[in-house]
């Protein structure tokens, strides 16, 4: 006579065999289907489009007068007049170079 333990062992063995067979069948069916393309995280970026340089337009006016550079006080930072000897804001002497 077969014991309950023996029946359980047979059930587990046959269940395992059935599960393996089922997995093999499913794997074969899924391998026949075309796989979607896998994205490659390391794929190369497309080349950057080269934009032609813009044509330069001359901004120089023929009759333009040269502009004298502005001078600023070394003590307070105020803008100085062209030939000032002292700052009008703080009175510091101006060192022209």
C-alpha atoms as a PDB file:
ATOM      1  CA  UNK A   1       0.000   0.000   0.000  1.00  0.00           C
ATOM      2  CA  UNK A   2       1.198   3.542  -0.797  1.00  0.00           C
ATOM      3  CA  UNK A   3       1.593   5.939   2.107  1.00  0.00           C
ATOM      4  CA  UNK A   4       0.470   9.563   2.126  1.00  0.00           C
ATOM      5  CA  UNK A   5       4.104  10.682   2.210  1.00  0.00           C
ATOM      6  CA  UNK A   6       4.875   8.753  -0.976  1.00  0.00           C
ATOM      7  CA  UNK A   7       1.875  10.353  -2.701  1.00  0.00           C
ATOM      8  CA  UNK A   8       3.059  13.820  -1.694  1.00  0.00           C
ATOM      9  CA  UNK A   9       6.565  13.118  -3.021  1.00  0.00           C
ATOM     10  CA  UNK A  10       5.121  11.904  -6.340  1.00  0.00           C
ATOM     11  CA  UNK A  11       2.867  14.964  -6.530  1.00  0.00           C
ATOM     12  CA  UNK A  12       5.788  17.339  -5.945  1.00  0.00           C
ATOM     13  CA  UNK A  13       7.991  15.549  -8.508  1.00  0.00           C
ATOM     14  CA  UNK A  14       5.305  15.510 -11.203  1.00  0.00           C
ATOM     15  CA  UNK A  15       4.365  19.115 -10.402  1.00  0.00           C
ATOM     16  CA  UNK A  16       7.993  20.173 -10.819  1.00  0.00           C
ATOM     17  CA  UNK A  17       8.297  18.328 -14.133  1.00  0.00           C
ATOM     18  CA  UNK A  18       5.065  19.933 -15.350  1.00  0.00           C
ATOM     19  CA  UNK A  19       6.267  23.406 -14.311  1.00  0.00           C
ATOM     20  CA  UNK A  20       9.582  22.961 -16.146  1.00  0.00           C
ATOM     21  CA  UNK A  21       7.808  21.695 -19.271  1.00  0.00           C
ATOM     22  CA  UNK A  22       5.394  24.630 -19.150  1.00  0.00           C
ATOM     23  CA  UNK A  23       8.288  27.113 -18.801  1.00  0.00           C
ATOM     24  CA  UNK A  24      10.124  25.561 -21.765  1.00  0.00           C
ATOM     25  CA  UNK A  25       7.011  25.757 -23.937  1.00  0.00           C
ATOM     26  CA  UNK A  26       6.404  29.408 -23.018  1.00  0.00           C
ATOM     27  CA  UNK A  27      10.043  30.266 -23.666  1.00  0.00           C
ATOM     28  CA  UNK A  28       9.924  28.724 -27.146  1.00  0.00           C
ATOM     29  CA  UNK A  29       6.754  30.638 -28.013  1.00  0.00           C
ATOM     30  CA  UNK A  30       8.161  33.956 -26.848  1.00  0.00           C
ATOM     31  CA  UNK A  31      11.456  33.415 -28.692  1.00  0.00           C
ATOM     32  CA  UNK A  32       9.569  33.118 -32.004  1.00  0.00           C
ATOM     33  CA  UNK A  33       8.034  36.582 -31.591  1.00  0.00           C
ATOM     34  CA  UNK A  34      10.101  39.481 -32.913  1.00  0.00           C
ATOM     35  CA  UNK A  35      11.659  41.357 -30.035  1.00  0.00           C
ATOM     36  CA  UNK A  36      11.276  45.128 -29.840  1.00  0.00           C
ATOM     37  CA  UNK A  37      14.560  46.975 -30.323  1.00  0.00           C
ATOM     38  CA  UNK A  38      16.383  47.514 -27.069  1.00  0.00           C
ATOM     39  CA  UNK A  39      17.422  51.056 -26.321  1.00  0.00           C
ATOM     40  CA  UNK A  40      21.142  51.468 -25.902  1.00  0.00           C
ATOM     41  CA  UNK A  41      21.951  53.944 -23.118  1.00  0.00           C
ATOM     42  CA  UNK A  42      25.440  54.337 -24.579  1.00  0.00           C
ATOM     43  CA  UNK A  43      24.401  55.068 -28.149  1.00  0.00           C
ATOM     44  CA  UNK A  44      26.203  57.842 -29.932  1.00  0.00           C
ATOM     45  CA  UNK A  45      24.526  61.219 -30.180  1.00  0.00           C
ATOM     46  CA  UNK A  46      23.633  62.404 -33.679  1.00  0.00           C
ATOM     47  CA  UNK A  47      26.124  64.875 -35.144  1.00  0.00           C
ATOM     48  CA  UNK A  48      25.518  68.520 -34.418  1.00  0.00           C
ATOM     49  CA  UNK A  49      24.295  70.483 -37.398  1.00  0.00           C
ATOM     50  CA  UNK A  50      26.750  73.139 -38.430  1.00  0.00           C
ATOM     51  CA  UNK A  51      25.076  76.504 -38.800  1.00  0.00           C
ATOM     52  CA  UNK A  52      26.767  78.837 -41.272  1.00  0.00           C
ATOM     53  CA  UNK A  53      28.191  81.898 -39.519  1.00  0.00           C
ATOM     54  CA  UNK A  54      26.125  85.042 -39.796  1.00  0.00           C
ATOM     55  CA  UNK A  55      27.478  87.672 -42.101  1.00  0.00           C
ATOM     56  CA  UNK A  56      29.039  90.496 -40.165  1.00  0.00           C
ATOM     57  CA  UNK A  57      27.538  93.891 -40.698  1.00  0.00           C
ATOM     58  CA  UNK A  58      29.835  96.840 -40.326  1.00  0.00           C
ATOM     59  CA  UNK A  59      28.617  99.012 -37.466  1.00  0.00           C
ATOM     60  CA  UNK A  60      31.356 101.612 -37.899  1.00  0.00           C
ATOM     61  CA  UNK A  61      30.066 104.960 -39.111  1.00  0.00           C
ATOM     62  CA  UNK A  62      32.508 106.785 -41.361  1.00  0.00           C
ATOM     63  CA  UNK A  63      32.160 110.160 -39.632  1.00  0.00           C
ATOM     64  CA  UNK A  64      32.255 108.790 -36.058  1.00  0.00           C
ATOM     65  CA  UNK A  65      34.289 110.747 -33.544  1.00  0.00           C
ATOM     66  CA  UNK A  66      36.638 108.833 -31.224  1.00  0.00           C
ATOM     67  CA  UNK A  67      35.272 108.496 -27.703  1.00  0.00           C
ATOM     68  CA  UNK A  68      37.589 109.296 -24.819  1.00  0.00           C
ATOM     69  CA  UNK A  69      37.534 106.543 -22.176  1.00  0.00           C
ATOM     70  CA  UNK A  70      35.769 107.362 -18.922  1.00  0.00           C
ATOM     71  CA  UNK A  71      37.811 107.684 -15.733  1.00  0.00           C
ATOM     72  CA  UNK A  72      36.605 106.794 -12.246  1.00  0.00           C
ATOM     73  CA  UNK A  73      37.752 107.809  -8.770  1.00  0.00           C
ATOM     74  CA  UNK A  74      39.960 105.213  -7.070  1.00  0.00           C
ATOM     75  CA  UNK A  75      38.471 106.117  -3.650  1.00  0.00           C
ATOM     76  CA  UNK A  76      34.699 106.283  -4.195  1.00  0.00           C
ATOM     77  CA  UNK A  77      34.183 105.008  -7.759  1.00  0.00           C
ATOM     78  CA  UNK A  78      32.463 108.154  -9.028  1.00  0.00           C
ATOM     79  CA  UNK A  79      32.879 109.095 -12.667  1.00  0.00           C
ATOM     80  CA  UNK A  80      35.460 111.845 -13.121  1.00  0.00           C
ATOM     81  CA  UNK A  81      35.411 114.711 -15.577  1.00  0.00           C
ATOM     82  CA  UNK A  82      37.944 114.594 -18.413  1.00  0.00           C
ATOM     83  CA  UNK A  83      40.729 116.760 -16.915  1.00  0.00           C
ATOM     84  CA  UNK A  84      39.764 116.759 -13.223  1.00  0.00           C
ATOM     85  CA  UNK A  85      42.539 116.965 -10.636  1.00  0.00           C
ATOM     86  CA  UNK A  86      40.253 116.061  -7.729  1.00  0.00           C
ATOM     87  CA  UNK A  87      37.111 113.930  -7.431  1.00  0.00           C
ATOM     88  CA  UNK A  88      33.966 116.083  -7.293  1.00  0.00           C
ATOM     89  CA  UNK A  89      32.315 113.541  -4.969  1.00  0.00           C
ATOM     90  CA  UNK A  90      34.931 112.782  -2.297  1.00  0.00           C
ATOM     91  CA  UNK A  91      37.747 115.266  -3.036  1.00  0.00           C
ATOM     92  CA  UNK A  92      40.437 112.625  -3.491  1.00  0.00           C
ATOM     93  CA  UNK A  93      43.319 113.604  -5.782  1.00  0.00           C
ATOM     94  CA  UNK A  94      43.093 112.078  -9.263  1.00  0.00           C
ATOM     95  CA  UNK A  95      46.086 110.173 -10.603  1.00  0.00           C
ATOM     96  CA  UNK A  96      45.950 110.449 -14.418  1.00  0.00           C
ATOM     97  CA  UNK A  97      47.949 107.823 -16.255  1.00  0.00           C
END
